[in-house]
C-alpha atoms as a PDB file:
ATOM      1  CA  MET A   1      62.690  76.431  79.570  1.00  0.00           C
ATOM      2  CA  LEU A   2      63.013  74.196  82.585  1.00  0.00           C
ATOM      3  CA  ALA A   3      63.957  75.519  85.996  1.00  0.00           C
ATOM      4  CA  LYS A   4      64.889  74.031  89.366  1.00  0.00           C
ATOM      5  CA  SER A   5      63.682  75.706  92.540  1.00  0.00           C
ATOM      6  CA  LEU A   6      66.585  76.655  94.801  1.00  0.00           C
ATOM      7  CA  SER A   7      64.651  77.920  97.822  1.00  0.00           C
ATOM      8  CA  GLY A   8      61.296  77.713  99.519  1.00  0.00           C
ATOM      9  CA  HIS A   9      59.140  74.730 100.437  1.00  0.00           C
ATOM     10  CA  ASP A  10      59.460  73.454  96.870  1.00  0.00           C
ATOM     11  CA  LYS A  11      63.276  73.384  96.910  1.00  0.00           C
ATOM     12  CA  GLY A  12      64.658  70.845  94.431  1.00  0.00           C
ATOM     13  CA  GLN A  13      61.471  70.631  92.333  1.00  0.00           C
ATOM     14  CA  TYR A  14      61.580  71.097  88.569  1.00  0.00           C
ATOM     15  CA  TYR A  15      59.132  73.338  86.725  1.00  0.00           C
ATOM     16  CA  VAL A  16      58.467  74.630  83.225  1.00  0.00           C
ATOM     17  CA  ILE A  17      58.690  78.414  82.892  1.00  0.00           C
ATOM     18  CA  VAL A  18      55.425  79.562  81.327  1.00  0.00           C
ATOM     19  CA  ARG A  19      55.947  83.339  81.547  1.00  0.00           C
ATOM     20  CA  GLU A  20      58.703  85.799  82.431  1.00  0.00           C
ATOM     21  CA  GLU A  21      58.743  89.342  83.779  1.00  0.00           C
ATOM     22  CA  LYS A  22      61.581  91.597  84.944  1.00  0.00           C
ATOM     23  CA  GLU A  23      62.461  89.919  88.209  1.00  0.00           C
ATOM     24  CA  TYR A  24      59.844  87.166  88.356  1.00  0.00           C
ATOM     25  CA  VAL A  25      59.080  83.982  86.471  1.00  0.00           C
ATOM     26  CA  TYR A  26      55.878  81.961  86.469  1.00  0.00           C
ATOM     27  CA  LEU A  27      56.308  78.217  86.907  1.00  0.00           C
ATOM     28  CA  ALA A  28      54.021  75.258  86.233  1.00  0.00           C
ATOM     29  CA  ASP A  29      54.376  71.558  86.975  1.00  0.00           C
ATOM     30  CA  GLY A  30      51.023  70.385  85.608  1.00  0.00           C
ATOM     31  CA  ARG A  31      49.891  68.956  88.956  1.00  0.00           C
ATOM     32  CA  ASN A  32      50.001  71.391  91.874  1.00  0.00           C
ATOM     33  CA  ARG A  33      50.600  74.403  89.647  1.00  0.00           C
ATOM     34  CA  SER A  34      48.758  74.483  86.361  1.00  0.00           C
ATOM     35  CA  VAL A  35      49.590  76.522  83.285  1.00  0.00           C
ATOM     36  CA  LEU A  36      46.553  78.714  84.006  1.00  0.00           C
ATOM     37  CA  ALA A  37      47.549  79.304  87.655  1.00  0.00           C
ATOM     38  CA  PRO A  38      51.377  79.242  87.704  1.00  0.00           C
ATOM     39  CA  LYS A  39      53.604  79.837  90.722  1.00  0.00           C
ATOM     40  CA  LYS A  40      55.210  83.288  90.845  1.00  0.00           C
ATOM     41  CA  LYS A  41      58.863  83.037  91.893  1.00  0.00           C
ATOM     42  CA  ASN A  42      61.780  85.437  92.068  1.00  0.00           C
ATOM     43  CA  ARG A  43      64.438  84.790  89.397  1.00  0.00           C
ATOM     44  CA  LYS A  44      67.205  84.574  91.970  1.00  0.00           C
ATOM     45  CA  HIS A  45      65.455  81.594  93.609  1.00  0.00           C
ATOM     46  CA  ILE A  46      65.596  79.352  90.528  1.00  0.00           C
ATOM     47  CA  GLN A  47      68.281  77.728  88.412  1.00  0.00           C
ATOM     48  CA  ILE A  48      67.597  77.409  84.692  1.00  0.00           C
ATOM     49  CA  VAL A  49      68.360  74.007  83.157  1.00  0.00           C
ATOM     50  CA  LYS A  50      70.555  74.675  80.139  1.00  0.00           C
ATOM     51  CA  ASN A  51      71.526  71.237  78.815  1.00  0.00           C
ATOM     52  CA  LEU A  52      68.142  69.955  77.673  1.00  0.00           C
ATOM     53  CA  PRO A  53      67.837  67.063  75.227  1.00  0.00           C
ATOM     54  CA  GLU A  54      66.744  68.225  71.776  1.00  0.00           C
ATOM     55  CA  GLU A  55      63.343  66.517  71.959  1.00  0.00           C
ATOM     56  CA  LEU A  56      62.515  68.448  75.150  1.00  0.00           C
ATOM     57  CA  ARG A  57      63.636  71.747  73.630  1.00  0.00           C
ATOM     58  CA  ASP A  58      61.267  71.153  70.728  1.00  0.00           C
ATOM     59  CA  LEU A  59      58.360  70.354  73.068  1.00  0.00           C
ATOM     60  CA  ILE A  60      58.926  73.405  75.279  1.00  0.00           C
ATOM     61  CA  ALA A  61      59.184  75.773  72.306  1.00  0.00           C
ATOM     62  CA  GLN A  62      55.418  75.622  71.764  1.00  0.00           C
ATOM     63  CA  PRO A  63      52.592  76.644  74.146  1.00  0.00           C
ATOM     64  CA  LEU A  64      51.950  73.791  76.567  1.00  0.00           C
ATOM     65  CA  SER A  65      48.922  72.346  78.328  1.00  0.00           C
ATOM     66  CA  ASP A  66      49.107  70.786  81.799  1.00  0.00           C
ATOM     67  CA  THR A  67      49.302  67.309  80.308  1.00  0.00           C
ATOM     68  CA  GLU A  68      52.225  68.325  78.092  1.00  0.00           C
ATOM     69  CA  VAL A  69      54.002  69.988  81.033  1.00  0.00           C
ATOM     70  CA  LYS A  70      53.731  66.735  83.012  1.00  0.00           C
ATOM     71  CA  ARG A  71      55.073  64.831  80.012  1.00  0.00           C
ATOM     72  CA  VAL A  72      58.061  67.180  79.625  1.00  0.00           C
ATOM     73  CA  LEU A  73      58.944  66.879  83.319  1.00  0.00           C
ATOM     74  CA  LYS A  74      58.580  63.089  83.184  1.00  0.00           C
ATOM     75  CA  LEU A  75      60.891  62.894  80.153  1.00  0.00           C
ATOM     76  CA  TRP A  76      63.380  65.182  81.940  1.00  0.00           C
ATOM     77  CA  ARG A  77      63.446  62.950  85.023  1.00  0.00           C
ATOM     78  CA  LYS A  78      63.851  59.870  82.817  1.00  0.00           C
ATOM     79  CA  SER A  79      66.812  61.451  80.985  1.00  0.00           C
ATOM     80  CA  GLN A  80      68.456  62.279  84.326  1.00  0.00           C
ATOM     81  CA  ASP A  81      68.135  58.696  85.568  1.00  0.00           C
ATOM     82  CA  ALA A  82      69.761  57.288  82.432  1.00  0.00           C
END
């Protein structure tokens, strides 16, 4: 899933959720936060993106590397500009 940060110094940034716990999610963007060292963030400080294009849903459904995370976020930004 994709998520938008709602608070903190990264407000407005988009991330891929790589792991979930009770009240926390772990986010990666492939650049500053890798899949192996994701950012821990409280669930109430993110907004999940629900209306993803089908091609992005298919990509996110599988385990991702940092390169693939960057590609997903780039495709997401491109779809938002169109």
